[in-house]
Amino acid sequence: MKITNHGSATYEGLGKGGKGHVSTGSGALAAQPYGFQTRFEDEPGTNPEELIAAAHASCFTMALSFKLAEAGHTDGSVVTSAEVTLEKTDAGFTVTKSALSTKGKVPGLDQAKFEELAADAKANCPISRLLNAEITLDTKFAG
């Protein structure tokens, strides 16, 4: 099975003075503002790291829910937050960490088994593996 999803971004103006909009193919995000100010100065809008954090939290949570179901559990809930860290390094700004924090409530499950299944979900959710993904680039310039 192969599933392809889409996102898009525009940026008018260049550098700090530019303003952008980001959208998802599903329409869940439609022309949400982003730019230097939303990324570094707390202006309303989103930024790439926030979107990665939401993607990681949701992917991991779904993966863990499937691991719990595979282990025979039929009821419960999982809540996860992700904190993505952007740091200036010698190589430039770099996403250096995604820290997941999860809580589960699953009748009949003990802490040790929850931690085992959570570790498996963390290692195997597609967003956790993203950094090792193949990246292609197709460019067109109309300068």
Protein backbone atom coordinates (compact mmCIF):
# COMPACT_ATOMS: atom_id res chain seq x y z
CA MET A 1 0.00 0.00 0.00
CA LYS A 2 1.23 3.49 -0.83
CA ILE A 3 -0.43 6.63 0.49
CA THR A 4 0.62 10.04 -0.76
CA ASN A 5 -0.38 13.23 1.04
CA HIS A 6 0.19 16.83 0.07
CA GLY A 7 1.10 20.09 1.69
CA SER A 8 2.01 23.42 0.15
CA ALA A 9 3.57 26.69 1.17
CA THR A 10 3.95 30.12 -0.37
CA TYR A 11 6.26 32.91 0.72
CA GLU A 12 5.93 36.46 -0.58
CA GLY A 13 8.92 38.69 -0.01
CA LEU A 14 12.25 37.32 1.12
CA GLY A 15 13.94 36.76 4.45
CA LYS A 16 12.63 38.35 7.65
CA GLY A 17 10.30 40.67 5.76
CA GLY A 18 8.56 37.86 3.93
CA LYS A 19 5.20 36.39 4.84
CA GLY A 20 3.99 32.93 4.00
CA HIS A 21 0.99 30.65 4.09
CA VAL A 22 0.91 26.89 4.57
CA SER A 23 -1.90 24.54 3.56
CA THR A 24 -2.61 20.83 3.66
CA GLY A 25 -4.11 18.87 0.80
CA SER A 26 -7.05 17.83 2.99
CA GLY A 27 -7.90 21.44 3.78
CA ALA A 28 -7.39 20.90 7.52
CA LEU A 29 -4.95 23.80 7.29
CA ALA A 30 -5.86 26.39 4.70
CA ALA A 31 -3.54 29.34 4.12
CA GLN A 32 -2.32 29.45 7.73
CA PRO A 33 0.20 32.29 8.16
CA TYR A 34 3.83 31.56 8.81
CA GLY A 35 7.09 33.46 8.56
CA PHE A 36 10.01 34.71 10.59
CA GLN A 37 7.70 36.38 13.11
CA THR A 38 5.59 33.25 13.71
CA ARG A 39 8.71 31.14 14.01
CA PHE A 40 10.93 33.32 16.17
CA GLU A 41 8.84 36.19 17.59
CA ASP A 42 5.55 34.62 18.80
CA GLU A 43 3.37 36.32 16.18
CA PRO A 44 0.09 34.41 15.64
CA GLY A 45 0.42 31.67 13.03
CA THR A 46 2.29 28.43 12.72
CA ASN A 47 5.81 27.29 11.92
CA PRO A 48 7.45 24.14 10.55
CA GLU A 49 8.56 22.84 13.94
CA GLU A 50 5.05 23.16 15.39
CA LEU A 51 3.69 21.21 12.44
CA ILE A 52 6.35 18.52 12.92
CA ALA A 53 5.47 18.32 16.63
CA ALA A 54 1.78 17.85 15.84
CA ALA A 55 2.61 15.26 13.18
CA HIS A 56 4.91 13.34 15.53
CA ALA A 57 2.44 13.38 18.43
CA SER A 58 -0.45 12.22 16.25
CA CYS A 59 1.55 9.55 14.41
CA PHE A 60 3.00 8.11 17.62
CA THR A 61 -0.37 8.15 19.39
CA MET A 62 -2.04 6.29 16.54
CA ALA A 63 0.84 3.79 16.36
CA LEU A 64 0.59 3.16 20.10
CA SER A 65 -3.18 2.70 19.91
CA PHE A 66 -2.65 0.04 17.23
CA LYS A 67 0.04 -1.68 19.34
CA LEU A 68 -2.40 -1.74 22.27
CA ALA A 69 -5.14 -3.21 20.08
CA GLU A 70 -2.73 -5.85 18.71
CA ALA A 71 -1.94 -6.79 22.33
CA GLY A 72 -5.63 -7.56 22.84
CA HIS A 73 -6.89 -4.35 24.43
CA THR A 74 -10.23 -3.05 23.21
CA ASP A 75 -10.78 0.09 25.29
CA GLY A 76 -8.70 2.98 26.51
CA SER A 77 -7.20 6.32 25.62
CA VAL A 78 -3.79 7.75 24.82
CA VAL A 79 -2.81 11.43 24.98
CA THR A 80 0.56 12.59 23.66
CA SER A 81 2.37 15.87 23.32
CA ALA A 82 5.56 16.42 21.35
CA GLU A 83 8.08 19.16 21.87
CA VAL A 84 10.31 19.80 18.87
CA THR A 85 13.50 21.76 19.52
CA LEU A 86 15.08 24.06 16.93
CA GLU A 87 18.61 25.14 17.78
CA LYS A 88 21.28 27.20 16.09
CA THR A 89 24.27 24.90 15.61
CA ASP A 90 27.52 25.23 13.71
CA ALA A 91 25.66 23.82 10.70
CA GLY A 92 22.86 26.43 11.03
CA PHE A 93 19.39 26.10 12.48
CA THR A 94 18.69 22.41 13.07
CA VAL A 95 15.82 20.42 14.54
CA THR A 96 17.78 18.63 17.25
CA LYS A 97 15.08 16.82 19.20
CA SER A 98 11.50 15.66 19.34
CA ALA A 99 10.47 14.80 22.89
CA LEU A 100 7.29 12.76 23.24
CA SER A 101 5.30 12.74 26.46
CA THR A 102 2.42 10.27 26.59
CA LYS A 103 -0.21 9.17 29.06
CA GLY A 104 -2.35 6.09 28.66
CA LYS A 105 -5.43 4.78 30.35
CA VAL A 106 -6.02 1.17 29.36
CA PRO A 107 -7.95 -1.20 31.63
CA GLY A 108 -6.01 -4.38 32.41
CA LEU A 109 -2.63 -3.02 31.28
CA ASP A 110 0.35 -2.59 33.58
CA GLN A 111 3.02 0.14 33.42
CA ALA A 112 5.79 -2.16 32.16
CA LYS A 113 3.74 -3.40 29.20
CA PHE A 114 2.60 0.15 28.40
CA GLU A 115 6.24 1.31 28.33
CA GLU A 116 7.22 -1.65 26.12
CA LEU A 117 4.47 -0.94 23.60
CA ALA A 118 5.18 2.81 23.69
CA ALA A 119 8.88 2.20 22.94
CA ASP A 120 7.90 0.01 19.98
CA ALA A 121 5.47 2.65 18.70
CA LYS A 122 8.13 5.37 19.04
CA ALA A 123 10.66 3.34 17.08
CA ASN A 124 8.23 2.35 14.36
CA CYS A 125 5.87 5.25 13.72
CA PRO A 126 6.52 6.74 10.27
CA ILE A 127 7.25 10.24 11.57
CA SER A 128 9.87 8.85 13.98
CA ARG A 129 11.54 7.29 10.95
CA LEU A 130 11.18 10.48 8.90
CA LEU A 131 14.77 11.60 9.29
CA ASN A 132 15.90 8.51 7.43
CA ALA A 133 13.39 9.02 4.60
CA GLU A 134 14.31 9.49 0.97
CA ILE A 135 14.01 13.13 -0.07
CA THR A 136 13.69 14.17 -3.70
CA LEU A 137 13.64 17.66 -5.16
CA ASP A 138 12.22 18.92 -8.44
CA THR A 139 12.86 22.59 -9.14
CA LYS A 140 11.48 25.05 -11.65
CA PHE A 141 12.70 28.63 -11.91
CA ALA A 142 10.90 31.39 -13.74
CA GLY A 143 13.42 34.14 -13.05
